[in-house]
C-alpha cells in the first residue's frame, strides 16, 4: 500500500509550539518597543517643558525693572531675593489682559511629588513698598518634582565695592548685574545653570 504524504500529529504539535514561541517573542519585542517609545516621548516632553520654563524665567528676569520704593524716607530698589527665592518687578503676560508692571516672585512650594517651582504675580501698587501683596496670590506651578533651586546674585552695593557673587540681595540701591539659577530635579537631574543680566537702564 503506498504511503500518503502529510504531517503526523507529533509534527503538528511541534509546529504549533514553535509558532507559539515565535508569537511570544514578537509580542514581547513589540511591548518593549512601545515602552521605549513612551519613555523617549516622556523625556522629550519633559525636556521641552523645562526649556519653555527656563526661557520664561530668563525673559522675566531680563525685563525686571529697577522700580524704587520709599519706606519712611529709606529708598531701595524693588528687588528682594534669597538663596532659594527671588522677587522683582517686571512685565507679565496675563490671560486676564492686565497690563503694566507686576510684582513677581519665584520660589519652591510643596507639591504632589516633593516640591514645585511656582510663580506668583500681582499688579504693582504705587503706594506699596514691599512684596507683601504676593502673600495672598495663589502660586502657579511652573515645574513639578523639583529637588532644589539655588539663586545667586552678582553685583555690588555701590561703585566703590567690587562686584561679587552673593546668596541674598536685600534692600539694595541697585539691581544685581547677574542672576544665576541652579535647578535640580527629583532623581538628581540637574538643569544647565541659567545666568541672566537684568535690565538696568530703566529708572
C-alpha atoms as a PDB file:
ATOM      1  CA  UNK A   1       0.000   0.000   0.000  1.00  0.00           C
ATOM      2  CA  UNK A   2       1.558   3.351  -1.000  1.00  0.00           C
ATOM      3  CA  UNK A   3       2.411   5.803   1.827  1.00  0.00           C
ATOM      4  CA  UNK A   4       0.348   9.024   1.915  1.00  0.00           C
ATOM      5  CA  UNK A   5       2.211  12.345   2.243  1.00  0.00           C
ATOM      6  CA  UNK A   6       1.278  14.540   5.227  1.00  0.00           C
ATOM      7  CA  UNK A   7       2.154  15.576   8.790  1.00  0.00           C
ATOM      8  CA  UNK A   8       1.902  13.374  11.803  1.00  0.00           C
ATOM      9  CA  UNK A   9       0.188  14.551  14.978  1.00  0.00           C
ATOM     10  CA  UNK A  10       3.555  14.935  16.685  1.00  0.00           C
ATOM     11  CA  UNK A  11       4.870  17.143  13.886  1.00  0.00           C
ATOM     12  CA  UNK A  12       1.778  19.335  14.082  1.00  0.00           C
ATOM     13  CA  UNK A  13       2.184  19.743  17.848  1.00  0.00           C
ATOM     14  CA  UNK A  14       5.853  20.648  17.475  1.00  0.00           C
ATOM     15  CA  UNK A  15       4.994  23.186  14.763  1.00  0.00           C
ATOM     16  CA  UNK A  16       2.288  24.773  16.927  1.00  0.00           C
ATOM     17  CA  UNK A  17       4.678  25.042  19.877  1.00  0.00           C
ATOM     18  CA  UNK A  18       7.316  26.705  17.694  1.00  0.00           C
ATOM     19  CA  UNK A  19       4.745  29.142  16.279  1.00  0.00           C
ATOM     20  CA  UNK A  20       3.636  29.941  19.842  1.00  0.00           C
ATOM     21  CA  UNK A  21       7.217  30.691  20.893  1.00  0.00           C
ATOM     22  CA  UNK A  22       7.695  32.934  17.873  1.00  0.00           C
ATOM     23  CA  UNK A  23       4.481  34.843  18.640  1.00  0.00           C
ATOM     24  CA  UNK A  24       5.515  35.293  22.278  1.00  0.00           C
ATOM     25  CA  UNK A  25       8.877  36.698  21.195  1.00  0.00           C
ATOM     26  CA  UNK A  26       7.235  39.018  18.676  1.00  0.00           C
ATOM     27  CA  UNK A  27       4.744  40.391  21.216  1.00  0.00           C
ATOM     28  CA  UNK A  28       7.500  40.805  23.819  1.00  0.00           C
ATOM     29  CA  UNK A  29       9.584  42.780  21.330  1.00  0.00           C
ATOM     30  CA  UNK A  30       6.582  44.893  20.359  1.00  0.00           C
ATOM     31  CA  UNK A  31       5.815  45.641  24.001  1.00  0.00           C
ATOM     32  CA  UNK A  32       9.436  46.551  24.717  1.00  0.00           C
ATOM     33  CA  UNK A  33       9.477  48.827  21.682  1.00  0.00           C
ATOM     34  CA  UNK A  34       6.253  50.527  22.775  1.00  0.00           C
ATOM     35  CA  UNK A  35       7.608  51.092  26.299  1.00  0.00           C
ATOM     36  CA  UNK A  36      10.855  52.522  24.923  1.00  0.00           C
ATOM     37  CA  UNK A  37       8.858  54.849  22.679  1.00  0.00           C
ATOM     38  CA  UNK A  38       6.712  56.038  25.603  1.00  0.00           C
ATOM     39  CA  UNK A  39       9.803  56.664  27.753  1.00  0.00           C
ATOM     40  CA  UNK A  40      11.520  58.585  24.959  1.00  0.00           C
ATOM     41  CA  UNK A  41       8.377  60.640  24.315  1.00  0.00           C
ATOM     42  CA  UNK A  42       8.034  61.436  28.034  1.00  0.00           C
ATOM     43  CA  UNK A  43      11.653  62.589  28.161  1.00  0.00           C
ATOM     44  CA  UNK A  44      11.180  64.777  25.095  1.00  0.00           C
ATOM     45  CA  UNK A  45       8.036  66.330  26.578  1.00  0.00           C
ATOM     46  CA  UNK A  46       9.816  66.891  29.900  1.00  0.00           C
ATOM     47  CA  UNK A  47      12.816  68.489  28.182  1.00  0.00           C
ATOM     48  CA  UNK A  48      10.528  70.717  26.111  1.00  0.00           C
ATOM     49  CA  UNK A  49       8.637  71.837  29.215  1.00  0.00           C
ATOM     50  CA  UNK A  50      11.865  72.626  31.032  1.00  0.00           C
ATOM     51  CA  UNK A  51      13.113  74.633  28.054  1.00  0.00           C
ATOM     52  CA  UNK A  52       9.876  76.632  27.949  1.00  0.00           C
ATOM     53  CA  UNK A  53      10.032  77.359  31.690  1.00  0.00           C
ATOM     54  CA  UNK A  54      13.721  78.294  31.513  1.00  0.00           C
ATOM     55  CA  UNK A  55      13.080  80.721  28.656  1.00  0.00           C
ATOM     56  CA  UNK A  56      10.144  82.237  30.564  1.00  0.00           C
ATOM     57  CA  UNK A  57      12.272  82.832  33.660  1.00  0.00           C
ATOM     58  CA  UNK A  58      15.103  84.216  31.543  1.00  0.00           C
ATOM     59  CA  UNK A  59      12.767  86.689  29.823  1.00  0.00           C
ATOM     60  CA  UNK A  60      11.126  87.850  33.062  1.00  0.00           C
ATOM     61  CA  UNK A  61      14.430  88.409  34.860  1.00  0.00           C
ATOM     62  CA  UNK A  62      15.924  90.170  31.835  1.00  0.00           C
ATOM     63  CA  UNK A  63      12.954  92.564  31.775  1.00  0.00           C
ATOM     64  CA  UNK A  64      12.950  93.276  35.517  1.00  0.00           C
ATOM     65  CA  UNK A  65      12.537  96.976  36.263  1.00  0.00           C
ATOM     66  CA  UNK A  66      14.534  98.803  38.981  1.00  0.00           C
ATOM     67  CA  UNK A  67      11.449 100.449  40.458  1.00  0.00           C
ATOM     68  CA  UNK A  68      12.339 102.396  43.600  1.00  0.00           C
ATOM     69  CA  UNK A  69      10.367 102.145  46.824  1.00  0.00           C
ATOM     70  CA  UNK A  70      10.344 104.726  49.600  1.00  0.00           C
ATOM     71  CA  UNK A  71       9.780 103.262  53.066  1.00  0.00           C
ATOM     72  CA  UNK A  72       9.685 106.106  55.612  1.00  0.00           C
ATOM     73  CA  UNK A  73      12.380 108.038  53.778  1.00  0.00           C
ATOM     74  CA  UNK A  74      14.548 104.983  53.029  1.00  0.00           C
ATOM     75  CA  UNK A  75      14.821 104.213  49.344  1.00  0.00           C
ATOM     76  CA  UNK A  76      15.580 100.798  47.899  1.00  0.00           C
ATOM     77  CA  UNK A  77      15.160  99.104  44.553  1.00  0.00           C
ATOM     78  CA  UNK A  78      12.181  96.731  44.240  1.00  0.00           C
ATOM     79  CA  UNK A  79      14.251  93.560  44.157  1.00  0.00           C
ATOM     80  CA  UNK A  80      14.334  91.227  47.147  1.00  0.00           C
ATOM     81  CA  UNK A  81      15.866  87.776  46.999  1.00  0.00           C
ATOM     82  CA  UNK A  82      17.250  84.874  48.982  1.00  0.00           C
ATOM     83  CA  UNK A  83      19.153  81.743  48.080  1.00  0.00           C
ATOM     84  CA  UNK A  84      16.013  79.794  47.069  1.00  0.00           C
ATOM     85  CA  UNK A  85      13.593  82.558  46.004  1.00  0.00           C
ATOM     86  CA  UNK A  86      13.590  85.841  44.122  1.00  0.00           C
ATOM     87  CA  UNK A  87      11.067  88.705  43.940  1.00  0.00           C
ATOM     88  CA  UNK A  88      11.208  91.578  41.471  1.00  0.00           C
ATOM     89  CA  UNK A  89       9.102  93.948  39.359  1.00  0.00           C
ATOM     90  CA  UNK A  90       8.554  93.412  35.646  1.00  0.00           C
ATOM     91  CA  UNK A  91       6.020  92.825  32.869  1.00  0.00           C
ATOM     92  CA  UNK A  92       3.995  89.587  32.912  1.00  0.00           C
ATOM     93  CA  UNK A  93       1.863  88.276  30.064  1.00  0.00           C
ATOM     94  CA  UNK A  94      -1.557  87.555  31.590  1.00  0.00           C
ATOM     95  CA  UNK A  95      -4.652  85.903  30.114  1.00  0.00           C
ATOM     96  CA  UNK A  96      -6.721  88.361  32.123  1.00  0.00           C
ATOM     97  CA  UNK A  97      -5.362  91.145  29.923  1.00  0.00           C
ATOM     98  CA  UNK A  98      -3.800  93.070  32.805  1.00  0.00           C
ATOM     99  CA  UNK A  99      -1.042  95.304  31.519  1.00  0.00           C
ATOM    100  CA  UNK A 100       1.780  97.134  33.244  1.00  0.00           C
ATOM    101  CA  UNK A 101       4.490  96.031  35.618  1.00  0.00           C
ATOM    102  CA  UNK A 102       3.768  93.331  38.170  1.00  0.00           C
ATOM    103  CA  UNK A 103       5.217  92.167  41.433  1.00  0.00           C
ATOM    104  CA  UNK A 104       6.723  88.762  40.611  1.00  0.00           C
ATOM    105  CA  UNK A 105       8.057  86.013  42.857  1.00  0.00           C
ATOM    106  CA  UNK A 106       9.706  82.669  42.043  1.00  0.00           C
ATOM    107  CA  UNK A 107      10.103  80.099  44.796  1.00  0.00           C
ATOM    108  CA  UNK A 108       9.606  76.467  45.800  1.00  0.00           C
ATOM    109  CA  UNK A 109       6.314  75.214  47.237  1.00  0.00           C
ATOM    110  CA  UNK A 110       5.080  71.820  48.387  1.00  0.00           C
ATOM    111  CA  UNK A 111       3.716  69.728  45.511  1.00  0.00           C
ATOM    112  CA  UNK A 112       2.486  66.233  44.762  1.00  0.00           C
ATOM    113  CA  UNK A 113       5.980  64.820  44.215  1.00  0.00           C
ATOM    114  CA  UNK A 114       8.264  66.755  46.503  1.00  0.00           C
ATOM    115  CA  UNK A 115       8.369  70.435  45.649  1.00  0.00           C
ATOM    116  CA  UNK A 116       7.289  72.574  42.702  1.00  0.00           C
ATOM    117  CA  UNK A 117       8.855  75.711  41.284  1.00  0.00           C
ATOM    118  CA  UNK A 118       5.978  78.188  41.386  1.00  0.00           C
ATOM    119  CA  UNK A 119       5.299  81.685  40.102  1.00  0.00           C
ATOM    120  CA  UNK A 120       3.231  84.444  41.735  1.00  0.00           C
ATOM    121  CA  UNK A 121       2.413  87.842  40.260  1.00  0.00           C
ATOM    122  CA  UNK A 122       0.308  90.867  41.200  1.00  0.00           C
ATOM    123  CA  UNK A 123      -0.144  94.323  39.696  1.00  0.00           C
ATOM    124  CA  UNK A 124       2.080  96.901  41.344  1.00  0.00           C
ATOM    125  CA  UNK A 125       0.540  99.340  43.819  1.00  0.00           C
ATOM    126  CA  UNK A 126       2.063 102.866  43.707  1.00  0.00           C
ATOM    127  CA  UNK A 127       1.683 103.142  47.478  1.00  0.00           C
ATOM    128  CA  UNK A 128       3.361  99.789  48.226  1.00  0.00           C
ATOM    129  CA  UNK A 129       6.941  99.456  49.418  1.00  0.00           C
ATOM    130  CA  UNK A 130       7.345  95.658  49.617  1.00  0.00           C
ATOM    131  CA  UNK A 131       6.168  92.381  48.091  1.00  0.00           C
ATOM    132  CA  UNK A 132       3.577  91.550  50.780  1.00  0.00           C
ATOM    133  CA  UNK A 133       0.723  91.684  48.227  1.00  0.00           C
ATOM    134  CA  UNK A 134       2.057  88.420  46.774  1.00  0.00           C
ATOM    135  CA  UNK A 135       1.321  86.578  50.022  1.00  0.00           C
ATOM    136  CA  UNK A 136      -2.368  86.467  49.072  1.00  0.00           C
ATOM    137  CA  UNK A 137      -1.773  85.238  45.494  1.00  0.00           C
ATOM    138  CA  UNK A 138      -2.257  81.563  44.645  1.00  0.00           C
ATOM    139  CA  UNK A 139       1.007  80.104  43.283  1.00  0.00           C
ATOM    140  CA  UNK A 140       1.074  78.786  39.717  1.00  0.00           C
ATOM    141  CA  UNK A 141       3.312  75.697  39.234  1.00  0.00           C
ATOM    142  CA  UNK A 142       5.966  76.036  36.543  1.00  0.00           C
ATOM    143  CA  UNK A 143       7.954  72.840  37.137  1.00  0.00           C
ATOM    144  CA  UNK A 144       6.960  69.875  39.292  1.00  0.00           C
ATOM    145  CA  UNK A 145       9.110  67.364  41.165  1.00  0.00           C
ATOM    146  CA  UNK A 146      11.932  69.824  41.907  1.00  0.00           C
ATOM    147  CA  UNK A 147      14.540  68.745  44.429  1.00  0.00           C
ATOM    148  CA  UNK A 148      16.231  72.103  44.962  1.00  0.00           C
ATOM    149  CA  UNK A 149      16.706  75.552  43.470  1.00  0.00           C
ATOM    150  CA  UNK A 150      19.524  77.956  44.226  1.00  0.00           C
ATOM    151  CA  UNK A 151      19.718  81.619  43.238  1.00  0.00           C
ATOM    152  CA  UNK A 152      22.909  83.686  43.349  1.00  0.00           C
ATOM    153  CA  UNK A 153      23.402  87.376  42.587  1.00  0.00           C
ATOM    154  CA  UNK A 154      26.458  89.104  41.151  1.00  0.00           C
ATOM    155  CA  UNK A 155      26.932  92.769  41.906  1.00  0.00           C
ATOM    156  CA  UNK A 156      27.965  95.411  44.413  1.00  0.00           C
ATOM    157  CA  UNK A 157      26.154  97.748  46.784  1.00  0.00           C
ATOM    158  CA  UNK A 158      27.798 100.827  45.240  1.00  0.00           C
ATOM    159  CA  UNK A 159      30.509 101.923  42.808  1.00  0.00           C
ATOM    160  CA  UNK A 160      33.224 101.635  45.468  1.00  0.00           C
ATOM    161  CA  UNK A 161      32.808  97.933  46.244  1.00  0.00           C
ATOM    162  CA  UNK A 162      33.961  95.226  43.865  1.00  0.00           C
ATOM    163  CA  UNK A 163      31.155  93.123  42.372  1.00  0.00           C
ATOM    164  CA  UNK A 164      30.950  89.596  43.786  1.00  0.00           C
ATOM    165  CA  UNK A 165      28.560  86.675  43.911  1.00  0.00           C
ATOM    166  CA  UNK A 166      26.117  86.833  46.828  1.00  0.00           C
ATOM    167  CA  UNK A 167      23.457  84.401  48.059  1.00  0.00           C
ATOM    168  CA  UNK A 168      20.956  87.153  49.014  1.00  0.00           C
ATOM    169  CA  UNK A 169      20.002  90.601  47.755  1.00  0.00           C
ATOM    170  CA  UNK A 170      18.019  92.642  50.275  1.00  0.00           C
ATOM    171  CA  UNK A 171      17.265  96.395  50.331  1.00  0.00           C
ATOM    172  CA  UNK A 172      19.938  97.275  47.797  1.00  0.00           C
ATOM    173  CA  UNK A 173      20.153 100.514  45.852  1.00  0.00           C
ATOM    174  CA  UNK A 174      20.514  98.754  42.502  1.00  0.00           C
ATOM    175  CA  UNK A 175      19.695  95.549  40.715  1.00  0.00           C
ATOM    176  CA  UNK A 176      22.321  92.810  40.593  1.00  0.00           C
ATOM    177  CA  UNK A 177      24.388  92.681  37.447  1.00  0.00           C
ATOM    178  CA  UNK A 178      23.670  88.963  37.035  1.00  0.00           C
ATOM    179  CA  UNK A 179      21.215  86.433  38.453  1.00  0.00           C
ATOM    180  CA  UNK A 180      22.121  82.743  38.390  1.00  0.00           C
ATOM    181  CA  UNK A 181      19.648  79.900  38.927  1.00  0.00           C
ATOM    182  CA  UNK A 182      20.662  76.296  39.593  1.00  0.00           C
ATOM    183  CA  UNK A 183      17.824  73.791  39.416  1.00  0.00           C
ATOM    184  CA  UNK A 184      17.973  70.103  40.416  1.00  0.00           C
ATOM    185  CA  UNK A 185      15.036  67.827  39.688  1.00  0.00           C
ATOM    186  CA  UNK A 186      13.884  64.878  41.789  1.00  0.00           C
ATOM    187  CA  UNK A 187      16.132  61.979  40.796  1.00  0.00           C
ATOM    188  CA  UNK A 188      19.259  64.132  40.587  1.00  0.00           C
ATOM    189  CA  UNK A 189      18.833  65.536  37.074  1.00  0.00           C
ATOM    190  CA  UNK A 190      20.462  68.981  37.132  1.00  0.00           C
ATOM    191  CA  UNK A 191      19.484  71.555  34.540  1.00  0.00           C
ATOM    192  CA  UNK A 192      22.167  73.783  32.994  1.00  0.00           C
ATOM    193  CA  UNK A 193      22.776  76.948  35.003  1.00  0.00           C
ATOM    194  CA  UNK A 194      20.626  79.887  33.936  1.00  0.00           C
ATOM    195  CA  UNK A 195      22.523  83.202  34.062  1.00  0.00           C
ATOM    196  CA  UNK A 196      20.581  86.386  33.265  1.00  0.00           C
ATOM    197  CA  UNK A 197      21.532  90.057  33.201  1.00  0.00           C
ATOM    198  CA  UNK A 198      18.546  92.139  34.418  1.00  0.00           C
ATOM    199  CA  UNK A 199      17.626  95.249  32.512  1.00  0.00           C
ATOM    200  CA  UNK A 200      19.470  98.131  34.227  1.00  0.00           C
ATOM    201  CA  UNK A 201      18.807 101.245  32.189  1.00  0.00           C
ATOM    202  CA  UNK A 202      15.204 101.922  33.271  1.00  0.00           C
ATOM    203  CA  UNK A 203      14.574 104.013  36.369  1.00  0.00           C
END
